[in-house]
Protein backbone atom coordinates (compact mmCIF):
# COMPACT_ATOMS: atom_id res chain seq x y z
CA UNK A 1 120.95 75.93 24.88
CA UNK A 2 121.92 75.84 28.83
CA UNK A 3 119.38 76.31 31.40
CA UNK A 4 119.30 76.31 35.41
CA UNK A 5 117.31 74.75 37.86
CA UNK A 6 118.08 77.29 41.45
CA UNK A 7 116.72 76.61 44.60
CA UNK A 8 115.95 78.99 47.37
CA UNK A 9 118.09 77.21 49.41
CA UNK A 10 120.85 78.13 46.76
CA UNK A 11 121.45 74.90 45.03
CA UNK A 12 121.93 75.19 41.41
CA UNK A 13 121.54 72.43 39.00
CA UNK A 14 122.55 73.20 35.56
CA UNK A 15 120.65 71.08 32.50
CA UNK A 16 119.52 71.13 28.89
CA UNK A 17 116.53 73.33 28.05
CA UNK A 18 113.54 71.77 26.30
CA UNK A 19 109.96 73.06 26.17
CA UNK A 20 109.27 76.72 25.95
CA UNK A 21 111.54 79.72 26.02
CA UNK A 22 110.17 81.03 29.58
CA UNK A 23 111.60 81.40 32.92
CA UNK A 24 109.28 80.47 36.13
CA UNK A 25 109.44 80.50 39.23
CA UNK A 26 107.66 78.05 41.46
CA UNK A 27 107.23 75.27 44.29
CA UNK A 28 109.50 72.14 43.32
CA UNK A 29 108.22 69.06 44.14
CA UNK A 30 108.78 65.45 42.75
CA UNK A 31 106.32 61.97 41.58
CA UNK A 32 107.98 58.63 41.42
CA UNK A 33 105.61 58.02 39.05
CA UNK A 34 106.86 55.62 35.84
CA UNK A 35 104.56 56.50 33.25
CA UNK A 36 101.53 59.07 32.81
CA UNK A 37 103.72 61.77 32.19
CA UNK A 38 101.08 63.22 30.52
CA UNK A 39 98.45 62.64 33.16
CA UNK A 40 100.25 64.05 35.71
CA UNK A 41 101.05 67.37 33.80
CA UNK A 42 97.68 68.00 33.14
CA UNK A 43 96.81 67.29 36.45
CA UNK A 44 95.33 70.54 38.11
CA UNK A 45 96.22 69.36 41.02
CA UNK A 46 100.10 70.62 39.90
CA UNK A 47 99.02 74.43 39.45
CA UNK A 48 102.11 76.18 40.60
CA UNK A 49 104.58 73.47 41.09
CA UNK A 50 107.95 72.36 39.26
CA UNK A 51 107.37 68.52 38.42
CA UNK A 52 110.31 66.61 38.98
CA UNK A 53 110.11 62.91 37.64
CA UNK A 54 112.20 60.59 39.42
CA UNK A 55 111.95 57.65 36.61
CA UNK A 56 115.15 58.67 34.73
CA UNK A 57 113.27 58.89 30.87
CA UNK A 58 110.36 61.03 30.10
CA UNK A 59 108.34 61.66 26.89
CA UNK A 60 109.41 57.80 25.19
CA UNK A 61 105.85 57.53 23.69
CA UNK A 62 104.89 60.92 23.16
CA UNK A 63 101.46 63.15 24.09
CA UNK A 64 98.00 61.88 22.81
CA UNK A 65 94.32 62.82 22.34
CA UNK A 66 93.21 60.60 25.05
CA UNK A 67 95.18 60.92 28.27
CA UNK A 68 94.82 65.06 29.30
CA UNK A 69 93.66 65.14 32.58
CA UNK A 70 92.71 69.22 31.78
CA UNK A 71 93.10 70.98 28.37
CA UNK A 72 95.20 73.86 29.50
CA UNK A 73 97.60 72.73 32.21
CA UNK A 74 99.30 75.05 34.96
CA UNK A 75 102.13 73.74 36.07
CA UNK A 76 105.03 75.59 36.37
CA UNK A 77 107.40 73.67 35.01
CA UNK A 78 108.93 70.13 33.98
CA UNK A 79 112.98 68.83 35.30
CA UNK A 80 113.90 65.47 34.21
CA UNK A 81 117.06 63.17 33.80
CA UNK A 82 116.73 62.30 29.96
CA UNK A 83 114.37 63.66 27.90
CA UNK A 84 113.63 61.35 24.56
CA UNK A 85 113.74 62.94 21.33
CA UNK A 86 111.79 60.36 19.34
CA UNK A 87 108.67 59.16 20.51
CA UNK A 88 107.15 55.86 19.48
CA UNK A 89 103.57 55.08 19.96
CA UNK A 90 100.86 54.60 17.49
CA UNK A 91 98.43 57.08 19.37
CA UNK A 92 101.36 59.86 19.94
CA UNK A 93 100.41 63.07 17.97
CA UNK A 94 103.22 64.91 19.17
CA UNK A 95 106.57 65.06 21.27
CA UNK A 96 106.46 66.37 24.83
CA UNK A 97 108.97 68.91 23.81
CA UNK A 98 106.47 70.35 21.26
CA UNK A 99 103.45 69.84 23.95
CA UNK A 100 105.63 71.94 26.05
CA UNK A 101 106.37 74.78 24.00
CA UNK A 102 102.63 74.89 22.95
CA UNK A 103 101.23 74.57 26.23
CA UNK A 104 103.83 77.50 27.44
CA UNK A 105 105.87 75.52 29.99
CA UNK A 106 109.54 75.27 30.13
CA UNK A 107 111.81 72.36 30.72
CA UNK A 108 115.25 70.74 31.62
CA UNK A 109 116.49 68.00 30.86
CA UNK A 110 119.82 66.27 32.10
CA UNK A 111 120.23 67.22 35.79
CA UNK A 112 120.43 64.73 38.81
CA UNK A 113 116.97 64.05 39.64
CA UNK A 114 118.07 61.48 41.81
CA UNK A 115 120.51 64.12 44.19
CA UNK A 116 117.21 66.64 43.86
CA UNK A 117 115.00 64.19 44.71
CA UNK A 118 116.98 63.13 47.98
CA UNK A 119 117.36 66.85 48.79
CA UNK A 120 113.39 67.77 48.26
CA UNK A 121 112.79 64.30 51.04
CA UNK A 122 115.90 65.35 53.34
CA UNK A 123 115.10 69.06 53.24
CA UNK A 124 111.44 69.70 52.20
CA UNK A 125 109.69 71.14 49.27
CA UNK A 126 110.76 74.54 48.40
CA UNK A 127 110.68 77.39 45.67
CA UNK A 128 112.62 77.38 42.75
CA UNK A 129 113.41 78.54 39.76
CA UNK A 130 114.07 78.38 36.05
CA UNK A 131 116.71 81.13 34.55
CA UNK A 132 119.13 81.20 32.05
CA UNK A 133 123.01 80.40 32.16
CA UNK A 134 123.63 83.59 31.73
CA UNK A 135 121.99 85.47 33.92
CA UNK A 136 123.18 87.54 37.24
CA UNK A 137 122.39 84.59 40.30
CA UNK A 138 122.58 86.87 42.99
CA UNK A 139 120.01 88.82 41.58
CA UNK A 140 117.47 85.59 40.70
CA UNK A 141 118.36 84.41 44.08
CA UNK A 142 117.25 87.68 45.56
CA UNK A 143 114.49 87.39 43.54
CA UNK A 144 113.68 84.11 44.02
CA UNK A 145 113.86 84.37 47.93
CA UNK A 146 111.54 87.83 47.47
CA UNK A 147 108.82 85.68 45.27
CA UNK A 148 105.54 84.94 47.56
CA UNK A 149 103.83 82.11 45.92
CA UNK A 150 99.38 82.37 45.12
CA UNK A 151 97.16 81.28 47.22
CA UNK A 152 94.67 81.43 45.57
CA UNK A 153 95.44 78.17 43.07
CA UNK A 154 91.99 76.63 42.96
CA UNK A 155 90.38 79.97 41.71
CA UNK A 156 92.67 79.33 38.86
CA UNK A 157 91.77 76.12 37.76
CA UNK A 158 88.46 75.44 38.79
CA UNK A 159 85.59 76.49 35.96
CA UNK A 160 84.61 80.11 36.22
CA UNK A 161 80.82 78.79 34.88
CA UNK A 162 78.54 75.62 35.55
CA UNK A 163 78.46 73.17 33.00
CA UNK A 164 76.98 69.95 31.85
CA UNK A 165 77.85 66.85 31.09
CA UNK A 166 74.53 65.09 30.14
CA UNK A 167 74.10 61.23 30.96
CA UNK A 168 71.12 59.55 31.63
CA UNK A 169 71.08 57.65 34.80
CA UNK A 170 71.89 59.74 38.75
CA UNK A 171 72.25 63.31 39.36
CA UNK A 172 75.82 64.19 40.58
CA UNK A 173 76.93 67.42 41.21
CA UNK A 174 80.58 67.74 40.76
CA UNK A 175 81.85 70.64 42.42
CA UNK A 176 85.38 71.33 40.45
CA UNK A 177 87.95 72.40 42.49
CA UNK A 178 91.03 71.56 39.77
CA UNK A 179 89.26 68.07 38.38
CA UNK A 180 90.79 65.24 36.65
CA UNK A 181 89.10 63.95 33.44
CA UNK A 182 89.16 60.90 34.14
CA UNK A 183 86.75 61.86 37.63
CA UNK A 184 84.10 62.81 35.18
CA UNK A 185 84.92 59.80 33.02
CA UNK A 186 84.58 57.67 35.83
CA UNK A 187 80.64 58.83 36.73
CA UNK A 188 80.12 59.16 33.27
CA UNK A 189 80.90 54.94 32.81
CA UNK A 190 78.10 54.64 35.49
CA UNK A 191 75.85 56.54 33.44
CA UNK A 192 75.58 59.42 35.58
CA UNK A 193 74.18 62.83 34.12
CA UNK A 194 76.80 65.37 35.75
CA UNK A 195 76.93 68.88 36.09
CA UNK A 196 79.80 70.98 37.24
CA UNK A 197 80.01 73.86 39.03
CA UNK A 198 82.43 76.38 40.50
CA UNK A 199 84.55 75.83 43.29
CA UNK A 200 83.11 78.79 45.18
CA UNK A 201 78.90 77.79 44.73
CA UNK A 202 76.95 77.90 47.69
CA UNK A 203 74.72 74.49 49.37
CA UNK A 204 71.52 76.24 48.61
CA UNK A 205 72.06 76.33 44.64
CA UNK A 206 73.46 72.76 44.56
CA UNK A 207 70.63 71.96 46.80
CA UNK A 208 68.50 73.31 43.81
CA UNK A 209 69.49 71.29 41.92
CA UNK A 210 68.14 68.10 43.64
CA UNK A 211 71.25 65.98 43.08
CA UNK A 212 70.84 62.52 43.99
CA UNK A 213 74.85 62.86 45.01
CA UNK A 214 77.93 65.30 45.11
CA UNK A 215 81.56 64.95 44.18
CA UNK A 216 84.16 66.82 45.60
CA UNK A 217 86.80 66.59 43.48
CA UNK A 218 91.02 67.34 43.82
CA UNK A 219 92.83 69.98 43.39
CA UNK A 220 95.93 71.97 44.47
CA UNK A 221 97.57 73.65 47.26
CA UNK A 222 96.06 74.46 50.92
CA UNK A 223 92.45 73.46 51.94
CA UNK A 224 92.17 76.29 54.52
CA UNK A 225 92.71 78.81 51.50
CA UNK A 226 89.25 77.37 50.14
CA UNK A 227 87.07 78.45 53.26
CA UNK A 228 83.76 79.20 51.03
CA UNK A 229 83.88 75.16 50.57
CA UNK A 230 83.98 74.37 53.78
CA UNK A 231 81.11 76.36 54.56
CA UNK A 232 79.28 74.74 51.44
CA UNK A 233 80.45 71.41 52.76
CA UNK A 234 78.67 71.98 55.86
CA UNK A 235 75.53 73.01 54.26
CA UNK A 236 74.72 70.08 52.12
CA UNK A 237 76.34 66.84 54.58
CA UNK A 238 73.40 65.43 55.84
CA UNK A 239 71.06 66.20 52.80
CA UNK A 240 72.76 64.53 50.32
CA UNK A 241 75.36 62.15 49.71
CA UNK A 242 78.41 63.11 49.56
CA UNK A 243 82.27 61.55 47.53
CA UNK A 244 85.42 63.99 48.29
CA UNK A 245 88.82 63.08 46.63
CA UNK A 246 91.98 64.68 47.47
CA UNK A 247 91.53 68.23 48.18
CA UNK A 248 88.07 67.31 48.36
CA UNK A 249 88.61 64.58 51.17
CA UNK A 250 90.67 67.67 53.29
CA UNK A 251 87.78 70.36 52.85
CA UNK A 252 85.02 67.92 54.24
CA UNK A 253 87.59 66.99 57.36
CA UNK A 254 87.81 70.50 57.80
CA UNK A 255 83.96 71.28 57.46
CA UNK A 256 83.86 68.86 60.33
CA UNK A 257 86.23 69.99 62.53
CA UNK A 258 89.42 68.42 61.37
CA UNK A 259 92.70 70.24 61.21
CA UNK A 260 95.38 69.82 57.91
CA UNK A 261 98.71 70.45 57.95
CA UNK A 262 101.70 70.57 55.13
CA UNK A 263 103.25 67.82 54.98
CA UNK A 264 107.68 68.09 54.41
CA UNK A 265 107.22 66.38 50.47
CA UNK A 266 103.71 65.51 49.86
CA UNK A 267 102.78 61.90 48.18
CA UNK A 268 103.04 62.01 44.20
CA UNK A 269 102.85 59.32 42.15
CA UNK A 270 101.24 55.48 41.54
CA UNK A 271 102.95 53.22 44.15
CA UNK A 272 101.51 54.50 47.36
CA UNK A 273 100.18 51.70 49.51
CA UNK A 274 96.92 52.06 51.12
CA UNK A 275 95.35 50.18 53.98
CA UNK A 276 91.47 49.37 54.42
CA UNK A 277 91.20 49.53 58.33
CA UNK A 278 88.13 47.49 58.58
CA UNK A 279 89.60 44.66 56.22
CA UNK A 280 93.12 44.89 56.10
CA UNK A 281 92.75 45.00 52.65
CA UNK A 282 95.65 46.97 50.76
CA UNK A 283 95.15 49.31 47.44
CA UNK A 284 97.90 50.42 45.93
CA UNK A 285 96.69 54.04 44.78
CA UNK A 286 97.43 57.10 42.50
CA UNK A 287 98.06 60.39 45.04
CA UNK A 288 99.26 63.57 44.35
CA UNK A 289 98.98 66.12 47.50
CA UNK A 290 101.36 67.90 49.65
CA UNK A 291 98.55 68.39 52.97
CA UNK A 292 97.02 65.87 54.66
CA UNK A 293 94.11 65.27 57.42
CA UNK A 294 95.98 65.17 60.77
CA UNK A 295 94.72 62.22 62.74
CA UNK A 296 94.81 63.53 66.17
CA UNK A 297 92.49 66.68 65.54
CA UNK A 298 89.65 64.26 63.86
CA UNK A 299 86.31 64.15 65.87
CA UNK A 300 85.76 60.10 66.48
CA UNK A 301 81.61 61.32 67.34
CA UNK A 302 81.76 63.05 63.73
CA UNK A 303 84.50 61.02 61.16
CA UNK A 304 85.91 57.39 61.10
CA UNK A 305 89.25 56.93 59.76
CA UNK A 306 88.71 54.28 57.29
CA UNK A 307 92.07 54.09 55.42
CA UNK A 308 95.42 54.80 56.10
CA UNK A 309 98.76 55.16 54.05
CA UNK A 310 101.40 52.03 55.02
CA UNK A 311 104.29 53.72 54.95
CA UNK A 312 103.55 56.88 56.86
CA UNK A 313 100.59 56.20 58.11
CA UNK A 314 98.53 59.21 57.11
CA UNK A 315 95.18 59.46 57.00
CA UNK A 316 93.75 58.72 53.54
CA UNK A 317 89.84 57.86 53.77
CA UNK A 318 87.50 59.14 56.55
CA UNK A 319 83.19 58.25 56.35
CA UNK A 320 80.82 60.48 58.39
CA UNK A 321 79.46 58.63 61.25
CA UNK A 322 75.76 59.91 60.52
CA UNK A 323 75.55 61.28 57.13
CA UNK A 324 76.06 59.37 53.59
CA UNK A 325 79.52 60.25 53.06
CA UNK A 326 82.94 59.34 52.52
CA UNK A 327 86.08 60.51 51.38
CA UNK A 328 89.63 59.56 50.09
CA UNK A 329 92.88 61.19 50.03
CA UNK A 330 93.87 59.24 47.09
CA UNK A 331 93.17 58.94 43.24
CA UNK A 332 90.23 56.04 42.59
CA UNK A 333 90.49 57.33 39.31
CA UNK A 334 93.36 56.04 38.73
CA UNK A 335 94.62 58.17 35.67
CA UNK A 336 97.65 57.04 35.49
CA UNK A 337 97.64 54.24 37.98
CA UNK A 338 96.82 51.63 39.39
CA UNK A 339 93.19 50.61 39.29
CA UNK A 340 92.66 49.38 42.69
CA UNK A 341 90.77 51.77 43.62
CA UNK A 342 87.79 51.72 41.21
CA UNK A 343 85.25 50.02 43.34
CA UNK A 344 84.78 52.99 45.10
CA UNK A 345 82.92 55.02 42.34
CA UNK A 346 80.62 51.99 42.48
CA UNK A 347 80.09 52.25 46.42
CA UNK A 348 79.25 55.86 45.58
CA UNK A 349 76.66 54.51 43.21
CA UNK A 350 75.16 52.04 46.01
CA UNK A 351 75.27 55.34 48.57
CA UNK A 352 72.78 57.20 46.35
CA UNK A 353 70.37 54.12 45.36
CA UNK A 354 70.39 53.40 49.35
CA UNK A 355 69.67 57.24 50.18
CA UNK A 356 66.57 57.58 47.33
CA UNK A 357 65.36 54.44 48.50
CA UNK A 358 65.05 55.90 52.45
CA UNK A 359 63.00 59.06 50.58
């Protein structure tokens, strides 16, 4: 069955439908990952987005029980050059097509993903829609242009109620802005006793739990759409160690007077080189974000820029000059992706231990 991908600038791509039989509207983006499509599709940072995979074949090792980053993905659609009809892997439980059907996510295969990616790199991300081949395109384009994409993305993906992930070590509060399971996994490996809280939890509630540290997770959308989180960070910093990832990094920067901006096409993939300013160390990193911290707005009296992206020089990490708090723009939990950044979780453990010794 034919399916069309239409872009708000008037571009039409014709391909073959797979996955769920539904029409959707979202922001079309691209990821340069060569592997890890299951982790990518289930990453809640892709909420509301149509994901274009630049790697030509997707689906060849199927879907398994171990690689979910969330149980109920909220991306809008999947775009691939070639969809593997058969899955060959000893862990595979179902094909990508079966998985997308179960989750209500449509896909399109057989289009020129290189041409689409070049357009997004040139023009920037934009609204797009999946439509049926026999639909009235004039009407569909009018509908697409009139669509206003939602701003409450974090509210859509954050837990609504607190829940524990019990451990026997340090007490860590995880503020869920759209967390990846791999963040919980890395904290659990280090024997942390975790309490996961909704995105709109206030500072007083967090401090009442007497945590040894607070993790600010990744999540979708514009950080300025989550003002309650900015207020919460201002209320806890200096009172408890903080480690922020991705959206958590952006929110922490906003809470300390910096500004953020929407990138032209963002960073999405597993091959982004990041330089640690102090040592020159290069880590290859997993990234998924469309917003970044504006370096010119970082107050040097409050924050130290610790990491920069090698390709475009954007801010990839900051550390507070007075308080025990640091953040990175990339995903050190590395699922999928290089494991170069895993040491940051160990640094978080050391930061919490050093803070406790001061008490």
